[in-house]
């Protein structure tokens, strides 16, 4: 019974089973890393799992919801500006700041966070819990991810410093479109035939969603362990990294609230903007990193994104529950 109560308390602050699995996957890769041959096999499996994942996203996403949500242009534009303008600009601040204490590659990870699209499931869930504009959040998060398929790698290629050993090839955008955008479009085309089935069997989508991320994390950190990632990441470095992720998220949240207040956005839209505009997608970020840096050690680059993702879930869960309880007011 005590274990059940502990799990309930952890879930209350946003630390659910999936986050535990994510942490356990990193530990598994640390102590039982995949061999080079197994990593190669996982790479092929992961490719098709990710393609399947975005196909399922396309099947489940209602085109009518997107079209209706576009009428609220102020909310949609605000989310896009926060995601693809405010975040990257702050990433340019965080990158040299992190270089004062952390390896340069981790600083690149902060730039990478800034270029990623918004989360989908969690931002919508938190908006719903807080009684915000759920339809607007669905539209904003979906548009953010569709735009991000093309804009995110281009932004990152523009911002990444030259001569650091990590180069983004122009062909990477085409590979991202093949693996992510094409399956999504096919899913939209098949939606009339398959939407009912997959809406009744949401567990299948969740397994593919979570499973693909865990596979990528295991592969990335297995390669990282082979390259001595934990020789670079000491407890002090990890503590500084977590602190910088919290600082990054806090700055974005404060700017989002200030901008929404200045623009006189209503409360329901403010909540959708807050959760969609201040969160970053791990489901899109990890597959994209695997394509952008194919054949390179990406463990240090994706580590800030992973930590940022975990931290944003915990903080957003805390805020949404306090807001619903009336402890936090606009």
C-alpha atoms as a PDB file:
ATOM      1  CA  UNK A   1       0.000   0.000   0.000  1.00  0.00           C
ATOM      2  CA  UNK A   2       2.876   2.372   0.784  1.00  0.00           C
ATOM      3  CA  UNK A   3       4.253   1.840  -2.746  1.00  0.00           C
ATOM      4  CA  UNK A   4       0.872   2.791  -4.224  1.00  0.00           C
ATOM      5  CA  UNK A   5       0.750   5.941  -2.089  1.00  0.00           C
ATOM      6  CA  UNK A   6       4.313   6.823  -3.099  1.00  0.00           C
ATOM      7  CA  UNK A   7       3.439   6.388  -6.774  1.00  0.00           C
ATOM      8  CA  UNK A   8       0.357   8.589  -6.336  1.00  0.00           C
ATOM      9  CA  UNK A   9       2.437  11.302  -4.680  1.00  0.00           C
ATOM     10  CA  UNK A  10       5.061  11.173  -7.431  1.00  0.00           C
ATOM     11  CA  UNK A  11       2.358  11.369 -10.104  1.00  0.00           C
ATOM     12  CA  UNK A  12       0.835  14.373  -8.338  1.00  0.00           C
ATOM     13  CA  UNK A  13       4.015  16.361  -8.956  1.00  0.00           C
ATOM     14  CA  UNK A  14       4.337  15.105 -12.520  1.00  0.00           C
ATOM     15  CA  UNK A  15       6.769  12.201 -12.019  1.00  0.00           C
ATOM     16  CA  UNK A  16       4.801   9.348 -13.581  1.00  0.00           C
ATOM     17  CA  UNK A  17       5.722   5.829 -14.711  1.00  0.00           C
ATOM     18  CA  UNK A  18       6.935   7.057 -18.089  1.00  0.00           C
ATOM     19  CA  UNK A  19       9.448   9.406 -16.481  1.00  0.00           C
ATOM     20  CA  UNK A  20      10.620   6.551 -14.270  1.00  0.00           C
ATOM     21  CA  UNK A  21      11.058   4.356 -17.358  1.00  0.00           C
ATOM     22  CA  UNK A  22      13.038   7.135 -19.016  1.00  0.00           C
ATOM     23  CA  UNK A  23      15.399   7.337 -16.043  1.00  0.00           C
ATOM     24  CA  UNK A  24      15.687   3.533 -15.904  1.00  0.00           C
ATOM     25  CA  UNK A  25      16.492   3.428 -19.622  1.00  0.00           C
ATOM     26  CA  UNK A  26      19.436   5.782 -19.066  1.00  0.00           C
ATOM     27  CA  UNK A  27      20.608   3.572 -16.187  1.00  0.00           C
ATOM     28  CA  UNK A  28      20.235   0.456 -18.358  1.00  0.00           C
ATOM     29  CA  UNK A  29      22.320   2.047 -21.113  1.00  0.00           C
ATOM     30  CA  UNK A  30      24.897   3.036 -18.500  1.00  0.00           C
ATOM     31  CA  UNK A  31      25.380  -0.413 -17.012  1.00  0.00           C
ATOM     32  CA  UNK A  32      24.314  -2.613 -19.959  1.00  0.00           C
ATOM     33  CA  UNK A  33      25.062  -0.575 -23.094  1.00  0.00           C
ATOM     34  CA  UNK A  34      24.174  -2.056 -26.462  1.00  0.00           C
ATOM     35  CA  UNK A  35      27.018  -3.375 -28.588  1.00  0.00           C
ATOM     36  CA  UNK A  36      27.799  -1.720 -31.923  1.00  0.00           C
ATOM     37  CA  UNK A  37      25.967  -4.503 -33.777  1.00  0.00           C
ATOM     38  CA  UNK A  38      22.866  -4.237 -31.567  1.00  0.00           C
ATOM     39  CA  UNK A  39      22.924  -0.423 -31.867  1.00  0.00           C
ATOM     40  CA  UNK A  40      22.909  -0.768 -35.654  1.00  0.00           C
ATOM     41  CA  UNK A  41      19.875  -3.084 -35.481  1.00  0.00           C
ATOM     42  CA  UNK A  42      18.120  -0.712 -33.057  1.00  0.00           C
ATOM     43  CA  UNK A  43      18.741   2.129 -35.479  1.00  0.00           C
ATOM     44  CA  UNK A  44      16.810   0.343 -38.242  1.00  0.00           C
ATOM     45  CA  UNK A  45      13.996  -0.670 -35.868  1.00  0.00           C
ATOM     46  CA  UNK A  46      13.744   2.847 -34.452  1.00  0.00           C
ATOM     47  CA  UNK A  47      13.501   4.362 -37.930  1.00  0.00           C
ATOM     48  CA  UNK A  48      10.345   2.424 -38.736  1.00  0.00           C
ATOM     49  CA  UNK A  49       8.877   2.816 -35.247  1.00  0.00           C
ATOM     50  CA  UNK A  50       9.221   6.607 -35.519  1.00  0.00           C
ATOM     51  CA  UNK A  51       7.637   6.565 -38.978  1.00  0.00           C
ATOM     52  CA  UNK A  52       4.771   4.513 -37.557  1.00  0.00           C
ATOM     53  CA  UNK A  53       4.437   6.944 -34.646  1.00  0.00           C
ATOM     54  CA  UNK A  54       3.961   9.977 -36.912  1.00  0.00           C
ATOM     55  CA  UNK A  55       1.614   7.994 -39.145  1.00  0.00           C
ATOM     56  CA  UNK A  56      -0.546   7.378 -36.054  1.00  0.00           C
ATOM     57  CA  UNK A  57      -0.321  11.070 -35.150  1.00  0.00           C
ATOM     58  CA  UNK A  58      -1.665  11.871 -38.616  1.00  0.00           C
ATOM     59  CA  UNK A  59      -4.504   9.377 -38.245  1.00  0.00           C
ATOM     60  CA  UNK A  60      -5.593  10.741 -34.864  1.00  0.00           C
ATOM     61  CA  UNK A  61      -5.279  14.476 -35.541  1.00  0.00           C
ATOM     62  CA  UNK A  62      -8.577  16.050 -36.501  1.00  0.00           C
ATOM     63  CA  UNK A  63      -8.148  18.375 -39.475  1.00  0.00           C
ATOM     64  CA  UNK A  64     -11.414  20.109 -38.532  1.00  0.00           C
ATOM     65  CA  UNK A  65      -9.971  21.004 -35.110  1.00  0.00           C
ATOM     66  CA  UNK A  66      -6.936  22.604 -36.723  1.00  0.00           C
ATOM     67  CA  UNK A  67      -9.066  24.623 -39.134  1.00  0.00           C
ATOM     68  CA  UNK A  68     -11.399  25.864 -36.384  1.00  0.00           C
ATOM     69  CA  UNK A  69      -8.471  26.739 -34.125  1.00  0.00           C
ATOM     70  CA  UNK A  70      -6.858  28.881 -36.810  1.00  0.00           C
ATOM     71  CA  UNK A  71      -9.582  31.488 -36.332  1.00  0.00           C
ATOM     72  CA  UNK A  72      -7.929  32.425 -33.037  1.00  0.00           C
ATOM     73  CA  UNK A  73      -4.952  33.921 -34.857  1.00  0.00           C
ATOM     74  CA  UNK A  74      -3.663  35.870 -31.841  1.00  0.00           C
ATOM     75  CA  UNK A  75      -3.187  32.679 -29.797  1.00  0.00           C
ATOM     76  CA  UNK A  76      -1.645  30.707 -32.669  1.00  0.00           C
ATOM     77  CA  UNK A  77       0.766  33.483 -33.605  1.00  0.00           C
ATOM     78  CA  UNK A  78       1.755  33.980 -29.960  1.00  0.00           C
ATOM     79  CA  UNK A  79       2.589  30.286 -29.538  1.00  0.00           C
ATOM     80  CA  UNK A  80       4.664  30.235 -32.726  1.00  0.00           C
ATOM     81  CA  UNK A  81       6.576  33.369 -31.667  1.00  0.00           C
ATOM     82  CA  UNK A  82       7.306  31.925 -28.222  1.00  0.00           C
ATOM     83  CA  UNK A  83       8.360  28.574 -29.674  1.00  0.00           C
ATOM     84  CA  UNK A  84      10.432  29.692 -32.654  1.00  0.00           C
ATOM     85  CA  UNK A  85      11.562  33.211 -31.702  1.00  0.00           C
ATOM     86  CA  UNK A  86      11.727  33.718 -27.920  1.00  0.00           C
ATOM     87  CA  UNK A  87      13.093  30.227 -27.216  1.00  0.00           C
ATOM     88  CA  UNK A  88      15.893  30.329 -29.840  1.00  0.00           C
ATOM     89  CA  UNK A  89      16.944  33.832 -28.748  1.00  0.00           C
ATOM     90  CA  UNK A  90      17.180  32.679 -25.147  1.00  0.00           C
ATOM     91  CA  UNK A  91      19.052  29.611 -26.393  1.00  0.00           C
ATOM     92  CA  UNK A  92      21.668  31.964 -27.811  1.00  0.00           C
ATOM     93  CA  UNK A  93      22.021  33.397 -24.309  1.00  0.00           C
ATOM     94  CA  UNK A  94      22.112  30.007 -22.594  1.00  0.00           C
ATOM     95  CA  UNK A  95      24.723  28.513 -24.923  1.00  0.00           C
ATOM     96  CA  UNK A  96      27.655  30.802 -23.937  1.00  0.00           C
ATOM     97  CA  UNK A  97      26.417  30.922 -20.330  1.00  0.00           C
ATOM     98  CA  UNK A  98      26.550  27.135 -20.063  1.00  0.00           C
ATOM     99  CA  UNK A  99      30.026  27.156 -21.645  1.00  0.00           C
ATOM    100  CA  UNK A 100      31.336  28.834 -18.482  1.00  0.00           C
ATOM    101  CA  UNK A 101      30.875  25.602 -16.511  1.00  0.00           C
ATOM    102  CA  UNK A 102      29.838  22.826 -18.914  1.00  0.00           C
ATOM    103  CA  UNK A 103      31.304  21.055 -21.974  1.00  0.00           C
ATOM    104  CA  UNK A 104      30.709  22.954 -25.227  1.00  0.00           C
ATOM    105  CA  UNK A 105      28.563  20.153 -26.660  1.00  0.00           C
ATOM    106  CA  UNK A 106      26.035  20.579 -23.849  1.00  0.00           C
ATOM    107  CA  UNK A 107      25.780  24.254 -24.781  1.00  0.00           C
ATOM    108  CA  UNK A 108      24.796  23.137 -28.276  1.00  0.00           C
ATOM    109  CA  UNK A 109      22.059  21.151 -26.554  1.00  0.00           C
ATOM    110  CA  UNK A 110      20.564  24.394 -25.217  1.00  0.00           C
ATOM    111  CA  UNK A 111      20.439  25.792 -28.746  1.00  0.00           C
ATOM    112  CA  UNK A 112      18.786  22.562 -29.834  1.00  0.00           C
ATOM    113  CA  UNK A 113      16.101  22.920 -27.135  1.00  0.00           C
ATOM    114  CA  UNK A 114      15.317  26.407 -28.392  1.00  0.00           C
ATOM    115  CA  UNK A 115      14.658  25.224 -31.941  1.00  0.00           C
ATOM    116  CA  UNK A 116      12.281  22.373 -31.083  1.00  0.00           C
ATOM    117  CA  UNK A 117       8.473  22.536 -31.463  1.00  0.00           C
ATOM    118  CA  UNK A 118       6.027  22.419 -28.570  1.00  0.00           C
ATOM    119  CA  UNK A 119       4.846  19.264 -26.862  1.00  0.00           C
ATOM    120  CA  UNK A 120       1.484  17.893 -27.950  1.00  0.00           C
ATOM    121  CA  UNK A 121      -0.015  15.528 -25.376  1.00  0.00           C
ATOM    122  CA  UNK A 122       1.294  17.165 -22.196  1.00  0.00           C
ATOM    123  CA  UNK A 123       0.583  20.794 -23.175  1.00  0.00           C
ATOM    124  CA  UNK A 124      -2.997  19.851 -24.102  1.00  0.00           C
ATOM    125  CA  UNK A 125      -3.416  17.846 -20.895  1.00  0.00           C
ATOM    126  CA  UNK A 126      -2.171  20.678 -18.672  1.00  0.00           C
ATOM    127  CA  UNK A 127      -4.379  23.195 -20.498  1.00  0.00           C
ATOM    128  CA  UNK A 128      -7.372  20.923 -19.892  1.00  0.00           C
ATOM    129  CA  UNK A 129      -6.543  20.465 -16.195  1.00  0.00           C
ATOM    130  CA  UNK A 130      -6.333  24.248 -15.777  1.00  0.00           C
ATOM    131  CA  UNK A 131      -9.645  24.800 -17.650  1.00  0.00           C
ATOM    132  CA  UNK A 132      -7.911  26.650 -20.486  1.00  0.00           C
ATOM    133  CA  UNK A 133      -8.713  26.761 -24.198  1.00  0.00           C
ATOM    134  CA  UNK A 134      -8.229  23.079 -25.070  1.00  0.00           C
ATOM    135  CA  UNK A 135      -9.239  23.419 -28.736  1.00  0.00           C
ATOM    136  CA  UNK A 136      -6.780  26.297 -29.106  1.00  0.00           C
ATOM    137  CA  UNK A 137      -4.055  24.230 -27.426  1.00  0.00           C
ATOM    138  CA  UNK A 138      -4.683  21.258 -29.743  1.00  0.00           C
ATOM    139  CA  UNK A 139      -4.410  23.528 -32.757  1.00  0.00           C
ATOM    140  CA  UNK A 140      -1.353  25.422 -31.467  1.00  0.00           C
ATOM    141  CA  UNK A 141       0.611  22.312 -30.474  1.00  0.00           C
ATOM    142  CA  UNK A 142      -0.211  20.544 -33.737  1.00  0.00           C
ATOM    143  CA  UNK A 143       0.735  23.511 -35.920  1.00  0.00           C
ATOM    144  CA  UNK A 144       3.926  23.973 -33.905  1.00  0.00           C
ATOM    145  CA  UNK A 145       4.989  20.402 -34.641  1.00  0.00           C
ATOM    146  CA  UNK A 146       4.066  20.564 -38.334  1.00  0.00           C
ATOM    147  CA  UNK A 147       5.959  23.833 -38.782  1.00  0.00           C
ATOM    148  CA  UNK A 148       8.826  22.471 -36.682  1.00  0.00           C
ATOM    149  CA  UNK A 149       9.445  19.530 -39.007  1.00  0.00           C
ATOM    150  CA  UNK A 150      10.891  22.000 -41.515  1.00  0.00           C
ATOM    151  CA  UNK A 151      11.673  25.096 -39.432  1.00  0.00           C
ATOM    152  CA  UNK A 152      13.443  23.440 -36.473  1.00  0.00           C
ATOM    153  CA  UNK A 153      16.395  21.936 -38.408  1.00  0.00           C
ATOM    154  CA  UNK A 154      16.740  25.133 -40.464  1.00  0.00           C
ATOM    155  CA  UNK A 155      16.800  27.292 -37.319  1.00  0.00           C
ATOM    156  CA  UNK A 156      19.320  25.006 -35.670  1.00  0.00           C
ATOM    157  CA  UNK A 157      21.562  24.999 -38.746  1.00  0.00           C
ATOM    158  CA  UNK A 158      21.439  28.801 -38.692  1.00  0.00           C
ATOM    159  CA  UNK A 159      22.283  29.128 -34.980  1.00  0.00           C
ATOM    160  CA  UNK A 160      24.840  26.355 -34.447  1.00  0.00           C
ATOM    161  CA  UNK A 161      28.413  27.695 -34.212  1.00  0.00           C
ATOM    162  CA  UNK A 162      30.824  26.676 -36.953  1.00  0.00           C
ATOM    163  CA  UNK A 163      33.899  24.540 -36.342  1.00  0.00           C
ATOM    164  CA  UNK A 164      32.603  22.604 -33.310  1.00  0.00           C
ATOM    165  CA  UNK A 165      32.549  19.207 -35.008  1.00  0.00           C
ATOM    166  CA  UNK A 166      28.747  19.008 -35.307  1.00  0.00           C
ATOM    167  CA  UNK A 167      27.534  19.984 -38.748  1.00  0.00           C
ATOM    168  CA  UNK A 168      23.970  19.902 -40.069  1.00  0.00           C
ATOM    169  CA  UNK A 169      23.802  18.650 -43.642  1.00  0.00           C
ATOM    170  CA  UNK A 170      21.277  20.226 -45.990  1.00  0.00           C
ATOM    171  CA  UNK A 171      20.024  16.750 -46.909  1.00  0.00           C
ATOM    172  CA  UNK A 172      18.958  16.255 -43.268  1.00  0.00           C
ATOM    173  CA  UNK A 173      15.811  18.343 -43.809  1.00  0.00           C
ATOM    174  CA  UNK A 174      14.766  16.044 -46.644  1.00  0.00           C
ATOM    175  CA  UNK A 175      15.426  12.960 -44.491  1.00  0.00           C
ATOM    176  CA  UNK A 176      13.332  14.478 -41.694  1.00  0.00           C
ATOM    177  CA  UNK A 177      10.482  15.080 -44.126  1.00  0.00           C
ATOM    178  CA  UNK A 178      10.731  11.477 -45.329  1.00  0.00           C
ATOM    179  CA  UNK A 179      10.702   9.977 -41.848  1.00  0.00           C
ATOM    180  CA  UNK A 180       8.311  12.362 -40.075  1.00  0.00           C
ATOM    181  CA  UNK A 181       6.265  14.540 -42.438  1.00  0.00           C
ATOM    182  CA  UNK A 182       5.502  11.939 -45.122  1.00  0.00           C
ATOM    183  CA  UNK A 183       4.095   9.345 -42.652  1.00  0.00           C
ATOM    184  CA  UNK A 184       2.047  12.126 -41.001  1.00  0.00           C
ATOM    185  CA  UNK A 185       0.522  13.144 -44.353  1.00  0.00           C
ATOM    186  CA  UNK A 186      -0.217   9.496 -45.157  1.00  0.00           C
ATOM    187  CA  UNK A 187      -1.897   9.206 -41.751  1.00  0.00           C
ATOM    188  CA  UNK A 188      -4.092  12.216 -42.536  1.00  0.00           C
ATOM    189  CA  UNK A 189      -5.077  10.640 -45.863  1.00  0.00           C
ATOM    190  CA  UNK A 190      -5.944   7.351 -44.120  1.00  0.00           C
ATOM    191  CA  UNK A 191      -7.760   9.103 -41.263  1.00  0.00           C
ATOM    192  CA  UNK A 192     -11.319   8.471 -42.615  1.00  0.00           C
ATOM    193  CA  UNK A 193     -10.621   4.727 -42.612  1.00  0.00           C
ATOM    194  CA  UNK A 194      -8.543   4.309 -39.453  1.00  0.00           C
ATOM    195  CA  UNK A 195      -9.436   7.147 -37.044  1.00  0.00           C
ATOM    196  CA  UNK A 196     -12.269   5.272 -35.371  1.00  0.00           C
ATOM    197  CA  UNK A 197     -10.148   2.187 -34.728  1.00  0.00           C
ATOM    198  CA  UNK A 198      -7.169   4.035 -33.242  1.00  0.00           C
ATOM    199  CA  UNK A 199      -9.368   6.351 -31.170  1.00  0.00           C
ATOM    200  CA  UNK A 200     -10.814   3.220 -29.586  1.00  0.00           C
ATOM    201  CA  UNK A 201      -7.328   1.749 -29.077  1.00  0.00           C
ATOM    202  CA  UNK A 202      -5.311   4.694 -27.769  1.00  0.00           C
ATOM    203  CA  UNK A 203      -3.014   2.332 -25.884  1.00  0.00           C
ATOM    204  CA  UNK A 204      -1.410   1.281 -29.189  1.00  0.00           C
ATOM    205  CA  UNK A 205      -0.420   4.863 -30.003  1.00  0.00           C
ATOM    206  CA  UNK A 206       0.885   5.409 -26.484  1.00  0.00           C
ATOM    207  CA  UNK A 207       3.051   2.267 -26.649  1.00  0.00           C
ATOM    208  CA  UNK A 208       4.542   3.331 -29.989  1.00  0.00           C
ATOM    209  CA  UNK A 209       5.023   6.902 -28.695  1.00  0.00           C
ATOM    210  CA  UNK A 210       6.749   5.984 -25.449  1.00  0.00           C
ATOM    211  CA  UNK A 211       8.530   2.966 -26.904  1.00  0.00           C
ATOM    212  CA  UNK A 212      10.152   4.933 -29.728  1.00  0.00           C
ATOM    213  CA  UNK A 213      11.524   7.512 -27.290  1.00  0.00           C
ATOM    214  CA  UNK A 214      12.894   4.836 -24.968  1.00  0.00           C
ATOM    215  CA  UNK A 215      14.581   3.084 -27.910  1.00  0.00           C
ATOM    216  CA  UNK A 216      16.245   6.313 -29.035  1.00  0.00           C
ATOM    217  CA  UNK A 217      17.375   7.139 -25.504  1.00  0.00           C
ATOM    218  CA  UNK A 218      18.848   3.660 -25.027  1.00  0.00           C
ATOM    219  CA  UNK A 219      20.682   3.784 -28.367  1.00  0.00           C
ATOM    220  CA  UNK A 220      21.986   7.324 -27.825  1.00  0.00           C
ATOM    221  CA  UNK A 221      23.251   6.710 -24.322  1.00  0.00           C
ATOM    222  CA  UNK A 222      24.708   3.317 -25.196  1.00  0.00           C
ATOM    223  CA  UNK A 223      26.838   5.110 -27.790  1.00  0.00           C
ATOM    224  CA  UNK A 224      27.528   7.868 -25.268  1.00  0.00           C
ATOM    225  CA  UNK A 225      28.737   5.396 -22.642  1.00  0.00           C
ATOM    226  CA  UNK A 226      31.107   3.896 -25.199  1.00  0.00           C
ATOM    227  CA  UNK A 227      32.459   7.411 -25.805  1.00  0.00           C
ATOM    228  CA  UNK A 228      32.822   8.178 -22.089  1.00  0.00           C
ATOM    229  CA  UNK A 229      29.800  10.443 -21.562  1.00  0.00           C
ATOM    230  CA  UNK A 230      29.724   9.805 -17.792  1.00  0.00           C
ATOM    231  CA  UNK A 231      33.382  10.738 -17.514  1.00  0.00           C
ATOM    232  CA  UNK A 232      32.319  14.212 -18.631  1.00  0.00           C
ATOM    233  CA  UNK A 233      29.076  14.429 -16.612  1.00  0.00           C
ATOM    234  CA  UNK A 234      30.093  14.591 -12.951  1.00  0.00           C
ATOM    235  CA  UNK A 235      27.511  15.181 -10.174  1.00  0.00           C
ATOM    236  CA  UNK A 236      28.503  18.865 -10.113  1.00  0.00           C
ATOM    237  CA  UNK A 237      28.085  19.197 -13.889  1.00  0.00           C
ATOM    238  CA  UNK A 238      24.681  17.492 -13.663  1.00  0.00           C
ATOM    239  CA  UNK A 239      23.586  19.846 -10.873  1.00  0.00           C
ATOM    240  CA  UNK A 240      24.633  22.901 -12.910  1.00  0.00           C
ATOM    241  CA  UNK A 241      22.887  21.522 -15.988  1.00  0.00           C
ATOM    242  CA  UNK A 242      19.632  20.996 -14.074  1.00  0.00           C
ATOM    243  CA  UNK A 243      19.896  24.504 -12.637  1.00  0.00           C
ATOM    244  CA  UNK A 244      20.378  26.013 -16.097  1.00  0.00           C
ATOM    245  CA  UNK A 245      17.398  24.067 -17.466  1.00  0.00           C
ATOM    246  CA  UNK A 246      15.230  25.447 -14.647  1.00  0.00           C
ATOM    247  CA  UNK A 247      16.526  28.960 -15.380  1.00  0.00           C
ATOM    248  CA  UNK A 248      15.799  28.541 -19.105  1.00  0.00           C
ATOM    249  CA  UNK A 249      12.245  27.340 -18.465  1.00  0.00           C
ATOM    250  CA  UNK A 250      11.589  30.053 -15.862  1.00  0.00           C
ATOM    251  CA  UNK A 251      12.663  32.828 -18.242  1.00  0.00           C
ATOM    252  CA  UNK A 252      10.396  31.525 -21.007  1.00  0.00           C
ATOM    253  CA  UNK A 253       7.418  31.180 -18.643  1.00  0.00           C
ATOM    254  CA  UNK A 254       7.867  34.719 -17.304  1.00  0.00           C
ATOM    255  CA  UNK A 255       8.166  36.178 -20.808  1.00  0.00           C
ATOM    256  CA  UNK A 256       5.099  34.208 -21.952  1.00  0.00           C
ATOM    257  CA  UNK A 257       2.948  35.501 -19.093  1.00  0.00           C
ATOM    258  CA  UNK A 258       4.199  39.071 -19.522  1.00  0.00           C
ATOM    259  CA  UNK A 259       3.532  39.025 -23.275  1.00  0.00           C
ATOM    260  CA  UNK A 260       0.044  37.536 -22.839  1.00  0.00           C
ATOM    261  CA  UNK A 261      -0.824  40.141 -20.200  1.00  0.00           C
ATOM    262  CA  UNK A 262       0.459  42.977 -22.388  1.00  0.00           C
ATOM    263  CA  UNK A 263      -1.542  41.676 -25.349  1.00  0.00           C
ATOM    264  CA  UNK A 264      -4.662  41.418 -23.136  1.00  0.00           C
ATOM    265  CA  UNK A 265      -5.204  37.774 -24.014  1.00  0.00           C
ATOM    266  CA  UNK A 266      -8.139  36.256 -22.124  1.00  0.00           C
ATOM    267  CA  UNK A 267      -7.495  33.784 -19.334  1.00  0.00           C
ATOM    268  CA  UNK A 268      -8.392  30.600 -21.271  1.00  0.00           C
ATOM    269  CA  UNK A 269      -6.079  31.549 -24.138  1.00  0.00           C
ATOM    270  CA  UNK A 270      -3.332  32.600 -21.730  1.00  0.00           C
ATOM    271  CA  UNK A 271      -3.306  29.108 -20.222  1.00  0.00           C
ATOM    272  CA  UNK A 272      -3.075  27.497 -23.683  1.00  0.00           C
ATOM    273  CA  UNK A 273      -0.257  29.886 -24.592  1.00  0.00           C
ATOM    274  CA  UNK A 274       1.528  29.263 -21.302  1.00  0.00           C
ATOM    275  CA  UNK A 275       1.611  25.479 -21.668  1.00  0.00           C
ATOM    276  CA  UNK A 276       2.124  25.307 -25.449  1.00  0.00           C
ATOM    277  CA  UNK A 277       4.586  28.195 -25.627  1.00  0.00           C
ATOM    278  CA  UNK A 278       6.878  27.140 -22.789  1.00  0.00           C
ATOM    279  CA  UNK A 279       7.245  23.387 -23.428  1.00  0.00           C
ATOM    280  CA  UNK A 280       9.430  21.468 -25.862  1.00  0.00           C
ATOM    281  CA  UNK A 281       8.798  18.128 -27.546  1.00  0.00           C
ATOM    282  CA  UNK A 282      10.992  15.155 -26.739  1.00  0.00           C
ATOM    283  CA  UNK A 283       8.994  12.976 -29.162  1.00  0.00           C
ATOM    284  CA  UNK A 284      10.052  15.193 -32.080  1.00  0.00           C
ATOM    285  CA  UNK A 285      13.434  16.294 -30.720  1.00  0.00           C
ATOM    286  CA  UNK A 286      15.008  12.867 -30.254  1.00  0.00           C
ATOM    287  CA  UNK A 287      14.183  11.449 -33.722  1.00  0.00           C
ATOM    288  CA  UNK A 288      15.270  14.722 -35.323  1.00  0.00           C
ATOM    289  CA  UNK A 289      18.608  14.639 -33.472  1.00  0.00           C
ATOM    290  CA  UNK A 290      19.196  11.116 -34.728  1.00  0.00           C
ATOM    291  CA  UNK A 291      18.741  12.334 -38.307  1.00  0.00           C
ATOM    292  CA  UNK A 292      20.629  15.625 -37.986  1.00  0.00           C
ATOM    293  CA  UNK A 293      23.640  13.974 -36.337  1.00  0.00           C
ATOM    294  CA  UNK A 294      23.551  10.551 -37.967  1.00  0.00           C
ATOM    295  CA  UNK A 295      26.691   8.586 -37.128  1.00  0.00           C
ATOM    296  CA  UNK A 296      27.761  11.022 -34.384  1.00  0.00           C
ATOM    297  CA  UNK A 297      27.580  10.808 -30.593  1.00  0.00           C
ATOM    298  CA  UNK A 298      24.425  12.754 -29.716  1.00  0.00           C
ATOM    299  CA  UNK A 299      24.146  11.837 -26.037  1.00  0.00           C
ATOM    300  CA  UNK A 300      25.489  15.175 -24.748  1.00  0.00           C
ATOM    301  CA  UNK A 301      23.371  17.162 -27.211  1.00  0.00           C
ATOM    302  CA  UNK A 302      20.079  15.467 -26.259  1.00  0.00           C
ATOM    303  CA  UNK A 303      20.814  15.343 -22.511  1.00  0.00           C
ATOM    304  CA  UNK A 304      19.705  18.987 -21.918  1.00  0.00           C
ATOM    305  CA  UNK A 305      16.495  18.332 -23.901  1.00  0.00           C
ATOM    306  CA  UNK A 306      15.742  15.218 -21.841  1.00  0.00           C
ATOM    307  CA  UNK A 307      16.283  17.047 -18.554  1.00  0.00           C
ATOM    308  CA  UNK A 308      14.344  20.085 -19.762  1.00  0.00           C
ATOM    309  CA  UNK A 309      11.466  17.801 -20.774  1.00  0.00           C
ATOM    310  CA  UNK A 310      11.359  16.114 -17.361  1.00  0.00           C
ATOM    311  CA  UNK A 311      11.606  19.443 -15.525  1.00  0.00           C
ATOM    312  CA  UNK A 312       8.862  21.061 -17.617  1.00  0.00           C
ATOM    313  CA  UNK A 313       6.507  18.160 -16.863  1.00  0.00           C
ATOM    314  CA  UNK A 314       7.109  18.413 -13.113  1.00  0.00           C
ATOM    315  CA  UNK A 315       6.758  22.210 -13.005  1.00  0.00           C
ATOM    316  CA  UNK A 316       3.714  22.327 -15.302  1.00  0.00           C
ATOM    317  CA  UNK A 317       2.004  19.567 -13.283  1.00  0.00           C
ATOM    318  CA  UNK A 318       2.666  21.521 -10.074  1.00  0.00           C
ATOM    319  CA  UNK A 319       1.388  24.804 -11.560  1.00  0.00           C
ATOM    320  CA  UNK A 320      -1.737  23.271 -13.156  1.00  0.00           C
ATOM    321  CA  UNK A 321      -2.774  21.587  -9.914  1.00  0.00           C
ATOM    322  CA  UNK A 322      -2.160  24.705  -7.820  1.00  0.00           C
ATOM    323  CA  UNK A 323      -4.043  26.800 -10.392  1.00  0.00           C
ATOM    324  CA  UNK A 324      -7.029  24.429 -10.341  1.00  0.00           C
ATOM    325  CA  UNK A 325      -7.036  24.496  -6.535  1.00  0.00           C
ATOM    326  CA  UNK A 326      -7.073  28.294  -6.573  1.00  0.00           C
ATOM    327  CA  UNK A 327      -3.676  28.609  -4.911  1.00  0.00           C
ATOM    328  CA  UNK A 328      -2.256  30.362  -8.003  1.00  0.00           C
ATOM    329  CA  UNK A 329      -4.202  33.149  -9.714  1.00  0.00           C
ATOM    330  CA  UNK A 330      -3.529  35.082 -12.901  1.00  0.00           C
END
